[in-house]
Amino acid sequence: MIIITHIEIDLRVSCWDEVEVDLTVITLTVFILLEST
């Protein structure tokens, strides 16, 4: 149970990291687009 839970937590953390990176990239892209216009 502990191992399974640990793996689930790892998966959630890695998924959250990916989402966070995506949001950062989107924010930077929008900022650059706004600045360039």
PDB file of N, CA and C in Angstrom:
ATOM      1  N   MET A   1       0.845  -1.220   0.000  1.00  0.00           N
ATOM      2  CA  MET A   1       0.000   0.000   0.000  1.00  0.00           C
ATOM      3  C   MET A   1       0.875   1.264   0.000  1.00  0.00           C
ATOM      4  N   ILE A   2       1.883   1.269   0.839  1.00  0.00           N
ATOM      5  CA  ILE A   2       2.755   2.449   0.942  1.00  0.00           C
ATOM      6  C   ILE A   2       3.447   2.704  -0.400  1.00  0.00           C
ATOM      7  N   ILE A   3       3.941   1.636  -1.012  1.00  0.00           N
ATOM      8  CA  ILE A   3       4.638   1.781  -2.300  1.00  0.00           C
ATOM      9  C   ILE A   3       3.674   2.323  -3.353  1.00  0.00           C
ATOM     10  N   ILE A   4       2.466   1.754  -3.424  1.00  0.00           N
ATOM     11  CA  ILE A   4       1.469   2.211  -4.411  1.00  0.00           C
ATOM     12  C   ILE A   4       1.131   3.683  -4.167  1.00  0.00           C
ATOM     13  N   THR A   5       0.908   4.035  -2.918  1.00  0.00           N
ATOM     14  CA  THR A   5       0.581   5.424  -2.586  1.00  0.00           C
ATOM     15  C   THR A   5       1.727   6.348  -2.984  1.00  0.00           C
ATOM     16  N   HIS A   6       2.937   5.911  -2.720  1.00  0.00           N
ATOM     17  CA  HIS A   6       4.115   6.725  -3.046  1.00  0.00           C
ATOM     18  C   HIS A   6       4.202   6.946  -4.557  1.00  0.00           C
ATOM     19  N   ILE A   7       3.939   5.892  -5.325  1.00  0.00           N
ATOM     20  CA  ILE A   7       3.966   6.000  -6.791  1.00  0.00           C
ATOM     21  C   ILE A   7       2.868   6.957  -7.249  1.00  0.00           C
ATOM     22  N   GLU A   8       1.688   6.866  -6.678  1.00  0.00           N
ATOM     23  CA  GLU A   8       0.586   7.757  -7.041  1.00  0.00           C
ATOM     24  C   GLU A   8       0.963   9.207  -6.757  1.00  0.00           C
ATOM     25  N   ILE A   9       1.579   9.449  -5.613  1.00  0.00           N
ATOM     26  CA  ILE A   9       2.008  10.810  -5.253  1.00  0.00           C
ATOM     27  C   ILE A   9       3.046  11.302  -6.252  1.00  0.00           C
ATOM     28  N   ASP A  10       3.994  10.438  -6.601  1.00  0.00           N
ATOM     29  CA  ASP A  10       5.016  10.808  -7.586  1.00  0.00           C
ATOM     30  C   ASP A  10       4.372  11.175  -8.916  1.00  0.00           C
ATOM     31  N   LEU A  11       3.389  10.403  -9.336  1.00  0.00           N
ATOM     32  CA  LEU A  11       2.702  10.676 -10.600  1.00  0.00           C
ATOM     33  C   LEU A  11       1.981  12.015 -10.531  1.00  0.00           C
ATOM     34  N   ARG A  12       1.319  12.274  -9.427  1.00  0.00           N
ATOM     35  CA  ARG A  12       0.600  13.544  -9.265  1.00  0.00           C
ATOM     36  C   ARG A  12       1.574  14.715  -9.289  1.00  0.00           C
ATOM     37  N   VAL A  13       2.675  14.570  -8.621  1.00  0.00           N
ATOM     38  CA  VAL A  13       3.678  15.644  -8.567  1.00  0.00           C
ATOM     39  C   VAL A  13       4.238  15.911  -9.959  1.00  0.00           C
ATOM     40  N   SER A  14       4.564  14.858 -10.690  1.00  0.00           N
ATOM     41  CA  SER A  14       5.126  15.041 -12.027  1.00  0.00           C
ATOM     42  C   SER A  14       4.078  15.639 -12.960  1.00  0.00           C
ATOM     43  N   CYS A  15       2.827  15.239 -12.820  1.00  0.00           N
ATOM     44  CA  CYS A  15       1.755  15.815 -13.640  1.00  0.00           C
ATOM     45  C   CYS A  15       1.599  17.295 -13.301  1.00  0.00           C
ATOM     46  N   TRP A  16       1.626  17.626 -12.021  1.00  0.00           N
ATOM     47  CA  TRP A  16       1.477  19.024 -11.603  1.00  0.00           C
ATOM     48  C   TRP A  16       2.636  19.855 -12.133  1.00  0.00           C
ATOM     49  N   ASP A  17       3.848  19.283 -12.099  1.00  0.00           N
ATOM     50  CA  ASP A  17       5.023  19.986 -12.632  1.00  0.00           C
ATOM     51  C   ASP A  17       4.824  20.301 -14.108  1.00  0.00           C
ATOM     52  N   GLU A  18       4.300  19.342 -14.858  1.00  0.00           N
ATOM     53  CA  GLU A  18       4.068  19.558 -16.290  1.00  0.00           C
ATOM     54  C   GLU A  18       3.036  20.653 -16.502  1.00  0.00           C
ATOM     55  N   VAL A  19       1.966  20.617 -15.725  1.00  0.00           N
ATOM     56  CA  VAL A  19       0.915  21.633 -15.848  1.00  0.00           C
ATOM     57  C   VAL A  19       1.483  23.003 -15.505  1.00  0.00           C
ATOM     58  N   GLU A  20       2.282  23.065 -14.455  1.00  0.00           N
ATOM     59  CA  GLU A  20       2.872  24.331 -14.021  1.00  0.00           C
ATOM     60  C   GLU A  20       3.775  24.895 -15.118  1.00  0.00           C
ATOM     61  N   VAL A  21       4.562  24.040 -15.723  1.00  0.00           N
ATOM     62  CA  VAL A  21       5.456  24.470 -16.808  1.00  0.00           C
ATOM     63  C   VAL A  21       4.629  24.971 -17.988  1.00  0.00           C
ATOM     64  N   ASP A  22       3.563  24.240 -18.327  1.00  0.00           N
ATOM     65  CA  ASP A  22       2.685  24.660 -19.429  1.00  0.00           C
ATOM     66  C   ASP A  22       2.106  26.044 -19.146  1.00  0.00           C
ATOM     67  N   LEU A  23       1.655  26.271 -17.931  1.00  0.00           N
ATOM     68  CA  LEU A  23       1.075  27.569 -17.571  1.00  0.00           C
ATOM     69  C   LEU A  23       2.122  28.670 -17.671  1.00  0.00           C
ATOM     70  N   THR A  24       3.330  28.376 -17.254  1.00  0.00           N
ATOM     71  CA  THR A  24       4.411  29.361 -17.333  1.00  0.00           C
ATOM     72  C   THR A  24       4.705  29.717 -18.780  1.00  0.00           C
ATOM     73  N   VAL A  25       4.778  28.713 -19.634  1.00  0.00           N
ATOM     74  CA  VAL A  25       5.047  28.940 -21.057  1.00  0.00           C
ATOM     75  C   VAL A  25       3.916  29.763 -21.679  1.00  0.00           C
ATOM     76  N   ILE A  26       2.674  29.422 -21.368  1.00  0.00           N
ATOM     77  CA  ILE A  26       1.519  30.158 -21.902  1.00  0.00           C
ATOM     78  C   ILE A  26       1.564  31.609 -21.435  1.00  0.00           C
ATOM     79  N   THR A  27       1.840  31.820 -20.162  1.00  0.00           N
ATOM     80  CA  THR A  27       1.907  33.175 -19.617  1.00  0.00           C
ATOM     81  C   THR A  27       2.997  33.986 -20.304  1.00  0.00           C
ATOM     82  N   LEU A  28       4.164  33.393 -20.470  1.00  0.00           N
ATOM     83  CA  LEU A  28       5.271  34.088 -21.141  1.00  0.00           C
ATOM     84  C   LEU A  28       4.918  34.399 -22.587  1.00  0.00           C
ATOM     85  N   THR A  29       4.286  33.453 -23.265  1.00  0.00           N
ATOM     86  CA  THR A  29       3.901  33.660 -24.665  1.00  0.00           C
ATOM     87  C   THR A  29       2.910  34.809 -24.783  1.00  0.00           C
ATOM     88  N   VAL A  30       1.909  34.829 -23.933  1.00  0.00           N
ATOM     89  CA  VAL A  30       0.911  35.907 -23.949  1.00  0.00           C
ATOM     90  C   VAL A  30       1.589  37.239 -23.659  1.00  0.00           C
ATOM     91  N   PHE A  31       2.476  37.261 -22.686  1.00  0.00           N
ATOM     92  CA  PHE A  31       3.184  38.491 -22.329  1.00  0.00           C
ATOM     93  C   PHE A  31       3.997  39.011 -23.516  1.00  0.00           C
ATOM     94  N   ILE A  32       4.723  38.121 -24.164  1.00  0.00           N
ATOM     95  CA  ILE A  32       5.546  38.504 -25.324  1.00  0.00           C
ATOM     96  C   ILE A  32       4.654  39.024 -26.446  1.00  0.00           C
ATOM     97  N   LEU A  33       3.545  38.356 -26.687  1.00  0.00           N
ATOM     98  CA  LEU A  33       2.624  38.796 -27.745  1.00  0.00           C
ATOM     99  C   LEU A  33       2.066  40.182 -27.428  1.00  0.00           C
ATOM    100  N   LEU A  34       1.709  40.404 -26.181  1.00  0.00           N
ATOM    101  CA  LEU A  34       1.161  41.705 -25.788  1.00  0.00           C
ATOM    102  C   LEU A  34       2.225  42.795 -25.908  1.00  0.00           C
ATOM    103  N   GLU A  35       3.441  42.473 -25.539  1.00  0.00           N
ATOM    104  CA  GLU A  35       4.530  43.450 -25.599  1.00  0.00           C
ATOM    105  C   GLU A  35       4.897  43.798 -27.038  1.00  0.00           C
ATOM    106  N   SER A  36       4.749  42.844 -27.938  1.00  0.00           N
ATOM    107  CA  SER A  36       5.178  43.047 -29.326  1.00  0.00           C
ATOM    108  C   SER A  36       4.157  43.839 -30.143  1.00  0.00           C
ATOM    109  N   THR A  37       2.923  43.925 -29.647  1.00  0.00           N
ATOM    110  CA  THR A  37       1.894  44.643 -30.422  1.00  0.00           C
ATOM    111  C   THR A  37       1.897  46.127 -30.102  1.00  0.00           C
TER     112      THR A  37
END
